[in-house]
């Protein structure tokens, strides 16, 4: 829903996705699904819609994330899931997606090398604003540290290397605790560079603290995928 409270963008986005599906080109689309307590209870009809449009098309994958309170005047009014509930729902929705022939990359991807490293900590990842301002992070647009450059009228990328280094220069390279951590290959000490800059604390990702549930979720997904690949017997 847009700022006017009436119009929205869902239909337009879905039309664009259908048009991309009709192409023969190779690409990768991540359908990020944010959910709160209300929408979590209504996830199955939405997954049915995704199944009808994108099942067994490996170019499309789904990634589930609980809505959080990230700052702002309406934070207290958001019906967010608790940490355990949000993680559990993400695992469960991944299983339901697999059962529908969809590819849930969220949990499995976060366990791969670099999979839990924040996009803002990657030197080649940028957010381009409509006015040409270049950012690293999508939750700190008003933070001057996040204004790392601009796009000129000629299309040239002009970077403030000192600001850019704030986002990509920390992590496991300088944190001894991160270097000795079992999860370091996945997050590389940079699950959230903004958290480290603001607090000086190690930004451990939630999937690390819930590693047992994550591994069980991936195992369950693999079992479901194996069953789906088996030919039906007559």
C-alpha atoms as a PDB file:
ATOM      1  CA  UNK A   1       0.000   0.000   0.000  1.00  0.00           C
ATOM      2  CA  UNK A   2       1.313   3.434  -0.950  1.00  0.00           C
ATOM      3  CA  UNK A   3       1.292   6.586   1.128  1.00  0.00           C
ATOM      4  CA  UNK A   4      -2.212   7.548   0.071  1.00  0.00           C
ATOM      5  CA  UNK A   5      -3.561   4.517   1.941  1.00  0.00           C
ATOM      6  CA  UNK A   6      -5.578   3.325  -1.059  1.00  0.00           C
ATOM      7  CA  UNK A   7      -3.467   2.348  -4.069  1.00  0.00           C
ATOM      8  CA  UNK A   8      -0.787  -0.335  -4.117  1.00  0.00           C
ATOM      9  CA  UNK A   9       1.894  -1.974  -6.235  1.00  0.00           C
ATOM     10  CA  UNK A  10       1.218  -5.703  -5.870  1.00  0.00           C
ATOM     11  CA  UNK A  11      -0.581  -6.175  -9.200  1.00  0.00           C
ATOM     12  CA  UNK A  12       2.052  -4.216 -11.128  1.00  0.00           C
ATOM     13  CA  UNK A  13       4.892  -6.194  -9.575  1.00  0.00           C
ATOM     14  CA  UNK A  14       3.153  -9.485 -10.287  1.00  0.00           C
ATOM     15  CA  UNK A  15       2.579  -8.549 -13.932  1.00  0.00           C
ATOM     16  CA  UNK A  16       6.301  -7.781 -14.240  1.00  0.00           C
ATOM     17  CA  UNK A  17       7.205 -11.130 -12.673  1.00  0.00           C
ATOM     18  CA  UNK A  18       4.957 -12.958 -15.128  1.00  0.00           C
ATOM     19  CA  UNK A  19       6.600 -11.130 -18.021  1.00  0.00           C
ATOM     20  CA  UNK A  20      10.035 -12.145 -16.754  1.00  0.00           C
ATOM     21  CA  UNK A  21       8.883 -15.743 -16.386  1.00  0.00           C
ATOM     22  CA  UNK A  22       7.957 -15.782 -20.084  1.00  0.00           C
ATOM     23  CA  UNK A  23      11.542 -14.943 -21.087  1.00  0.00           C
ATOM     24  CA  UNK A  24      14.075 -17.586 -22.070  1.00  0.00           C
ATOM     25  CA  UNK A  25      16.998 -15.731 -20.465  1.00  0.00           C
ATOM     26  CA  UNK A  26      18.837 -16.948 -17.389  1.00  0.00           C
ATOM     27  CA  UNK A  27      18.421 -14.773 -14.276  1.00  0.00           C
ATOM     28  CA  UNK A  28      17.721 -15.039 -10.554  1.00  0.00           C
ATOM     29  CA  UNK A  29      14.780 -13.397  -8.777  1.00  0.00           C
ATOM     30  CA  UNK A  30      14.468 -13.509  -4.990  1.00  0.00           C
ATOM     31  CA  UNK A  31      10.869 -13.038  -3.868  1.00  0.00           C
ATOM     32  CA  UNK A  32      11.350 -11.653  -0.370  1.00  0.00           C
ATOM     33  CA  UNK A  33       8.293 -12.356   1.774  1.00  0.00           C
ATOM     34  CA  UNK A  34       8.037 -10.188   4.891  1.00  0.00           C
ATOM     35  CA  UNK A  35       5.484 -11.402   7.435  1.00  0.00           C
ATOM     36  CA  UNK A  36       4.033 -10.331  10.771  1.00  0.00           C
ATOM     37  CA  UNK A  37       1.694 -12.151  13.134  1.00  0.00           C
ATOM     38  CA  UNK A  38      -1.321 -11.393  10.948  1.00  0.00           C
ATOM     39  CA  UNK A  39       0.082 -12.297   7.555  1.00  0.00           C
ATOM     40  CA  UNK A  40       1.847 -15.388   8.914  1.00  0.00           C
ATOM     41  CA  UNK A  41      -1.565 -16.919   9.589  1.00  0.00           C
ATOM     42  CA  UNK A  42      -2.552 -16.285   5.949  1.00  0.00           C
ATOM     43  CA  UNK A  43       0.608 -17.515   4.250  1.00  0.00           C
ATOM     44  CA  UNK A  44      -0.831 -20.625   2.580  1.00  0.00           C
ATOM     45  CA  UNK A  45      -3.049 -18.814   0.018  1.00  0.00           C
ATOM     46  CA  UNK A  46      -0.094 -16.648  -0.980  1.00  0.00           C
ATOM     47  CA  UNK A  47       2.144 -19.701  -1.366  1.00  0.00           C
ATOM     48  CA  UNK A  48      -0.582 -21.306  -3.490  1.00  0.00           C
ATOM     49  CA  UNK A  49      -0.435 -18.258  -5.774  1.00  0.00           C
ATOM     50  CA  UNK A  50       3.353 -18.491  -6.040  1.00  0.00           C
ATOM     51  CA  UNK A  51       3.072 -22.207  -6.770  1.00  0.00           C
ATOM     52  CA  UNK A  52       0.639 -21.585  -9.620  1.00  0.00           C
ATOM     53  CA  UNK A  53       2.987 -19.038 -11.204  1.00  0.00           C
ATOM     54  CA  UNK A  54       6.567 -20.082 -10.415  1.00  0.00           C
ATOM     55  CA  UNK A  55       6.701 -23.703  -9.222  1.00  0.00           C
ATOM     56  CA  UNK A  56       9.692 -25.668 -10.595  1.00  0.00           C
ATOM     57  CA  UNK A  57      11.182 -22.553 -12.232  1.00  0.00           C
ATOM     58  CA  UNK A  58      14.651 -22.381 -10.661  1.00  0.00           C
ATOM     59  CA  UNK A  59      15.042 -18.732 -11.656  1.00  0.00           C
ATOM     60  CA  UNK A  60      12.565 -17.770  -8.911  1.00  0.00           C
ATOM     61  CA  UNK A  61      13.141 -18.413  -5.224  1.00  0.00           C
ATOM     62  CA  UNK A  62      11.442 -17.258  -2.022  1.00  0.00           C
ATOM     63  CA  UNK A  63      13.037 -15.811   1.101  1.00  0.00           C
ATOM     64  CA  UNK A  64      10.991 -15.372   4.290  1.00  0.00           C
ATOM     65  CA  UNK A  65      11.704 -12.629   6.851  1.00  0.00           C
ATOM     66  CA  UNK A  66       9.730 -11.568   9.942  1.00  0.00           C
ATOM     67  CA  UNK A  67       8.858  -7.872  10.149  1.00  0.00           C
ATOM     68  CA  UNK A  68      10.852  -6.095  12.860  1.00  0.00           C
ATOM     69  CA  UNK A  69      10.815  -2.834  14.760  1.00  0.00           C
ATOM     70  CA  UNK A  70      13.586  -0.901  13.038  1.00  0.00           C
ATOM     71  CA  UNK A  71      12.749   2.582  14.307  1.00  0.00           C
ATOM     72  CA  UNK A  72      10.042   5.116  13.627  1.00  0.00           C
ATOM     73  CA  UNK A  73       6.896   6.531  15.229  1.00  0.00           C
ATOM     74  CA  UNK A  74       4.750   3.459  14.486  1.00  0.00           C
ATOM     75  CA  UNK A  75       7.119   0.794  15.845  1.00  0.00           C
ATOM     76  CA  UNK A  76       5.030   0.161  18.948  1.00  0.00           C
ATOM     77  CA  UNK A  77       1.949  -0.509  16.827  1.00  0.00           C
ATOM     78  CA  UNK A  78       3.521  -3.256  14.686  1.00  0.00           C
ATOM     79  CA  UNK A  79       2.315  -6.790  15.410  1.00  0.00           C
ATOM     80  CA  UNK A  80       5.765  -8.312  14.995  1.00  0.00           C
ATOM     81  CA  UNK A  81       6.693 -11.903  15.764  1.00  0.00           C
ATOM     82  CA  UNK A  82       9.089 -12.665  18.595  1.00  0.00           C
ATOM     83  CA  UNK A  83      12.587 -13.862  17.690  1.00  0.00           C
ATOM     84  CA  UNK A  84      11.827 -17.545  18.261  1.00  0.00           C
ATOM     85  CA  UNK A  85       8.414 -17.301  16.586  1.00  0.00           C
ATOM     86  CA  UNK A  86       9.838 -15.474  13.569  1.00  0.00           C
ATOM     87  CA  UNK A  87      12.642 -17.990  13.114  1.00  0.00           C
ATOM     88  CA  UNK A  88      10.286 -20.928  13.535  1.00  0.00           C
ATOM     89  CA  UNK A  89       7.833 -19.475  11.017  1.00  0.00           C
ATOM     90  CA  UNK A  90      10.635 -18.907   8.506  1.00  0.00           C
ATOM     91  CA  UNK A  91      11.649 -22.563   8.755  1.00  0.00           C
ATOM     92  CA  UNK A  92       8.039 -23.756   8.447  1.00  0.00           C
ATOM     93  CA  UNK A  93       7.263 -21.530   5.466  1.00  0.00           C
ATOM     94  CA  UNK A  94      10.377 -22.859   3.753  1.00  0.00           C
ATOM     95  CA  UNK A  95       9.069 -26.405   4.170  1.00  0.00           C
ATOM     96  CA  UNK A  96       5.661 -25.431   2.784  1.00  0.00           C
ATOM     97  CA  UNK A  97       7.359 -23.755  -0.180  1.00  0.00           C
ATOM     98  CA  UNK A  98       9.321 -26.921  -0.971  1.00  0.00           C
ATOM     99  CA  UNK A  99       6.127 -28.957  -0.874  1.00  0.00           C
ATOM    100  CA  UNK A 100       4.756 -26.620  -3.559  1.00  0.00           C
ATOM    101  CA  UNK A 101       7.734 -26.956  -5.885  1.00  0.00           C
ATOM    102  CA  UNK A 102       9.235 -23.606  -4.879  1.00  0.00           C
ATOM    103  CA  UNK A 103      12.876 -22.964  -4.001  1.00  0.00           C
ATOM    104  CA  UNK A 104      13.391 -21.459  -0.522  1.00  0.00           C
ATOM    105  CA  UNK A 105      16.960 -20.187  -0.394  1.00  0.00           C
ATOM    106  CA  UNK A 106      16.739 -18.323   2.903  1.00  0.00           C
ATOM    107  CA  UNK A 107      17.932 -20.816   5.536  1.00  0.00           C
ATOM    108  CA  UNK A 108      20.164 -22.922   3.312  1.00  0.00           C
ATOM    109  CA  UNK A 109      21.788 -19.863   1.787  1.00  0.00           C
ATOM    110  CA  UNK A 110      22.564 -18.307   5.172  1.00  0.00           C
ATOM    111  CA  UNK A 111      24.638 -21.356   6.128  1.00  0.00           C
ATOM    112  CA  UNK A 112      26.849 -21.178   3.034  1.00  0.00           C
ATOM    113  CA  UNK A 113      30.189 -19.319   3.045  1.00  0.00           C
ATOM    114  CA  UNK A 114      29.311 -15.621   3.101  1.00  0.00           C
ATOM    115  CA  UNK A 115      25.615 -16.448   3.225  1.00  0.00           C
ATOM    116  CA  UNK A 116      24.978 -14.522   6.458  1.00  0.00           C
ATOM    117  CA  UNK A 117      27.189 -11.586   5.547  1.00  0.00           C
ATOM    118  CA  UNK A 118      25.211  -8.366   5.206  1.00  0.00           C
ATOM    119  CA  UNK A 119      24.868  -6.987   1.700  1.00  0.00           C
ATOM    120  CA  UNK A 120      26.119  -3.629   3.038  1.00  0.00           C
ATOM    121  CA  UNK A 121      29.442  -5.259   3.960  1.00  0.00           C
ATOM    122  CA  UNK A 122      30.029  -6.405   0.388  1.00  0.00           C
ATOM    123  CA  UNK A 123      32.258  -3.999  -1.556  1.00  0.00           C
ATOM    124  CA  UNK A 124      30.251  -4.369  -4.762  1.00  0.00           C
ATOM    125  CA  UNK A 125      26.789  -3.851  -3.215  1.00  0.00           C
ATOM    126  CA  UNK A 126      25.165  -0.417  -3.411  1.00  0.00           C
ATOM    127  CA  UNK A 127      21.735   1.161  -3.140  1.00  0.00           C
ATOM    128  CA  UNK A 128      21.061   3.911  -5.666  1.00  0.00           C
ATOM    129  CA  UNK A 129      18.596   6.604  -4.581  1.00  0.00           C
ATOM    130  CA  UNK A 130      16.274   8.354  -7.008  1.00  0.00           C
ATOM    131  CA  UNK A 131      18.381  11.526  -6.714  1.00  0.00           C
ATOM    132  CA  UNK A 132      21.627   9.682  -7.450  1.00  0.00           C
ATOM    133  CA  UNK A 133      22.772   9.352  -3.841  1.00  0.00           C
ATOM    134  CA  UNK A 134      24.629   6.099  -3.226  1.00  0.00           C
ATOM    135  CA  UNK A 135      23.986   4.193   0.005  1.00  0.00           C
ATOM    136  CA  UNK A 136      25.182   0.922   1.527  1.00  0.00           C
ATOM    137  CA  UNK A 137      22.378   0.138   3.984  1.00  0.00           C
ATOM    138  CA  UNK A 138      18.597   0.105   3.445  1.00  0.00           C
ATOM    139  CA  UNK A 139      17.611   0.813   7.072  1.00  0.00           C
ATOM    140  CA  UNK A 140      19.733   3.920   7.696  1.00  0.00           C
ATOM    141  CA  UNK A 141      19.012   6.298   4.833  1.00  0.00           C
ATOM    142  CA  UNK A 142      19.214   9.374   7.084  1.00  0.00           C
ATOM    143  CA  UNK A 143      22.580   8.377   8.580  1.00  0.00           C
ATOM    144  CA  UNK A 144      25.388  10.509   7.054  1.00  0.00           C
ATOM    145  CA  UNK A 145      27.762   7.527   7.309  1.00  0.00           C
ATOM    146  CA  UNK A 146      25.493   5.748   4.857  1.00  0.00           C
ATOM    147  CA  UNK A 147      25.867   8.430   2.167  1.00  0.00           C
ATOM    148  CA  UNK A 148      28.892   6.873   0.537  1.00  0.00           C
ATOM    149  CA  UNK A 149      28.773   8.544  -2.871  1.00  0.00           C
ATOM    150  CA  UNK A 150      26.696   9.689  -5.792  1.00  0.00           C
ATOM    151  CA  UNK A 151      25.956   8.982  -9.436  1.00  0.00           C
ATOM    152  CA  UNK A 152      26.882  11.919 -11.672  1.00  0.00           C
ATOM    153  CA  UNK A 153      24.753  13.191 -14.523  1.00  0.00           C
ATOM    154  CA  UNK A 154      27.115  11.285 -16.844  1.00  0.00           C
ATOM    155  CA  UNK A 155      26.453   8.023 -14.987  1.00  0.00           C
ATOM    156  CA  UNK A 156      29.821   7.886 -13.217  1.00  0.00           C
ATOM    157  CA  UNK A 157      29.993   6.377  -9.710  1.00  0.00           C
ATOM    158  CA  UNK A 158      31.756   8.750  -7.321  1.00  0.00           C
ATOM    159  CA  UNK A 159      32.598   7.065  -3.995  1.00  0.00           C
ATOM    160  CA  UNK A 160      33.705   8.474  -0.659  1.00  0.00           C
ATOM    161  CA  UNK A 161      36.283   5.779   0.035  1.00  0.00           C
ATOM    162  CA  UNK A 162      36.564   6.625   3.739  1.00  0.00           C
ATOM    163  CA  UNK A 163      32.828   6.194   4.318  1.00  0.00           C
ATOM    164  CA  UNK A 164      32.733   3.109   2.128  1.00  0.00           C
ATOM    165  CA  UNK A 165      35.508   1.549   4.221  1.00  0.00           C
ATOM    166  CA  UNK A 166      33.363   1.892   7.364  1.00  0.00           C
ATOM    167  CA  UNK A 167      30.966  -0.709   5.958  1.00  0.00           C
ATOM    168  CA  UNK A 168      33.406  -3.200   4.465  1.00  0.00           C
ATOM    169  CA  UNK A 169      36.561  -2.863   6.578  1.00  0.00           C
ATOM    170  CA  UNK A 170      35.672  -4.572   9.868  1.00  0.00           C
ATOM    171  CA  UNK A 171      34.450  -8.082  10.676  1.00  0.00           C
ATOM    172  CA  UNK A 172      36.510 -11.216  11.097  1.00  0.00           C
ATOM    173  CA  UNK A 173      39.630  -9.524   9.700  1.00  0.00           C
ATOM    174  CA  UNK A 174      39.987  -7.517  12.922  1.00  0.00           C
ATOM    175  CA  UNK A 175      37.802  -9.322  15.460  1.00  0.00           C
ATOM    176  CA  UNK A 176      39.606 -12.214  17.152  1.00  0.00           C
ATOM    177  CA  UNK A 177      36.321 -13.522  18.562  1.00  0.00           C
ATOM    178  CA  UNK A 178      34.869 -13.743  15.071  1.00  0.00           C
ATOM    179  CA  UNK A 179      37.955 -15.489  13.710  1.00  0.00           C
ATOM    180  CA  UNK A 180      37.606 -18.250  16.315  1.00  0.00           C
ATOM    181  CA  UNK A 181      33.826 -18.646  15.898  1.00  0.00           C
ATOM    182  CA  UNK A 182      32.384 -21.742  14.212  1.00  0.00           C
ATOM    183  CA  UNK A 183      29.963 -19.552  12.242  1.00  0.00           C
ATOM    184  CA  UNK A 184      32.603 -17.180  10.909  1.00  0.00           C
ATOM    185  CA  UNK A 185      32.719 -18.674   7.375  1.00  0.00           C
ATOM    186  CA  UNK A 186      29.027 -17.847   6.956  1.00  0.00           C
ATOM    187  CA  UNK A 187      28.855 -14.317   8.390  1.00  0.00           C
ATOM    188  CA  UNK A 188      32.568 -13.345   8.289  1.00  0.00           C
ATOM    189  CA  UNK A 189      31.954 -11.109  11.298  1.00  0.00           C
ATOM    190  CA  UNK A 190      29.777  -8.810   9.218  1.00  0.00           C
ATOM    191  CA  UNK A 191      26.196  -9.896   9.781  1.00  0.00           C
ATOM    192  CA  UNK A 192      25.384  -6.223  10.432  1.00  0.00           C
ATOM    193  CA  UNK A 193      28.115  -3.597  10.053  1.00  0.00           C
ATOM    194  CA  UNK A 194      25.683  -0.891  11.201  1.00  0.00           C
ATOM    195  CA  UNK A 195      25.232  -2.649  14.554  1.00  0.00           C
ATOM    196  CA  UNK A 196      29.001  -2.879  14.997  1.00  0.00           C
ATOM    197  CA  UNK A 197      29.438   0.820  14.146  1.00  0.00           C
ATOM    198  CA  UNK A 198      26.674   1.920  16.509  1.00  0.00           C
ATOM    199  CA  UNK A 199      27.509  -0.267  19.490  1.00  0.00           C
ATOM    200  CA  UNK A 200      31.021  -1.621  19.001  1.00  0.00           C
ATOM    201  CA  UNK A 201      29.566  -5.054  19.733  1.00  0.00           C
ATOM    202  CA  UNK A 202      29.918  -8.194  17.662  1.00  0.00           C
ATOM    203  CA  UNK A 203      26.862  -8.482  15.340  1.00  0.00           C
ATOM    204  CA  UNK A 204      26.085 -12.192  15.608  1.00  0.00           C
ATOM    205  CA  UNK A 205      23.225 -13.265  13.309  1.00  0.00           C
ATOM    206  CA  UNK A 206      20.151 -14.860  14.864  1.00  0.00           C
ATOM    207  CA  UNK A 207      20.606 -18.012  12.782  1.00  0.00           C
ATOM    208  CA  UNK A 208      23.870 -18.674  14.657  1.00  0.00           C
ATOM    209  CA  UNK A 209      22.103 -18.655  18.020  1.00  0.00           C
ATOM    210  CA  UNK A 210      19.373 -20.885  16.549  1.00  0.00           C
ATOM    211  CA  UNK A 211      21.750 -23.147  14.651  1.00  0.00           C
ATOM    212  CA  UNK A 212      20.141 -26.406  15.793  1.00  0.00           C
ATOM    213  CA  UNK A 213      16.736 -25.355  14.501  1.00  0.00           C
ATOM    214  CA  UNK A 214      18.294 -24.101  11.265  1.00  0.00           C
ATOM    215  CA  UNK A 215      20.036 -27.411  10.619  1.00  0.00           C
ATOM    216  CA  UNK A 216      16.864 -29.326  11.410  1.00  0.00           C
ATOM    217  CA  UNK A 217      14.984 -27.068   9.006  1.00  0.00           C
ATOM    218  CA  UNK A 218      17.467 -27.663   6.184  1.00  0.00           C
ATOM    219  CA  UNK A 219      17.386 -31.423   6.848  1.00  0.00           C
ATOM    220  CA  UNK A 220      13.587 -31.417   6.696  1.00  0.00           C
ATOM    221  CA  UNK A 221      13.689 -29.441   3.434  1.00  0.00           C
ATOM    222  CA  UNK A 222      16.129 -31.936   1.935  1.00  0.00           C
ATOM    223  CA  UNK A 223      13.883 -34.846   2.909  1.00  0.00           C
ATOM    224  CA  UNK A 224      10.903 -33.111   1.327  1.00  0.00           C
ATOM    225  CA  UNK A 225      12.909 -32.401  -1.849  1.00  0.00           C
ATOM    226  CA  UNK A 226      14.077 -36.017  -2.063  1.00  0.00           C
ATOM    227  CA  UNK A 227      10.510 -37.242  -1.775  1.00  0.00           C
ATOM    228  CA  UNK A 228       9.366 -34.781  -4.422  1.00  0.00           C
ATOM    229  CA  UNK A 229      12.049 -36.035  -6.842  1.00  0.00           C
ATOM    230  CA  UNK A 230      11.034 -39.687  -6.483  1.00  0.00           C
ATOM    231  CA  UNK A 231       8.874 -40.918  -9.363  1.00  0.00           C
ATOM    232  CA  UNK A 232       5.370 -41.978  -8.494  1.00  0.00           C
ATOM    233  CA  UNK A 233       4.797 -45.734  -8.410  1.00  0.00           C
ATOM    234  CA  UNK A 234       1.769 -47.297  -9.996  1.00  0.00           C
END
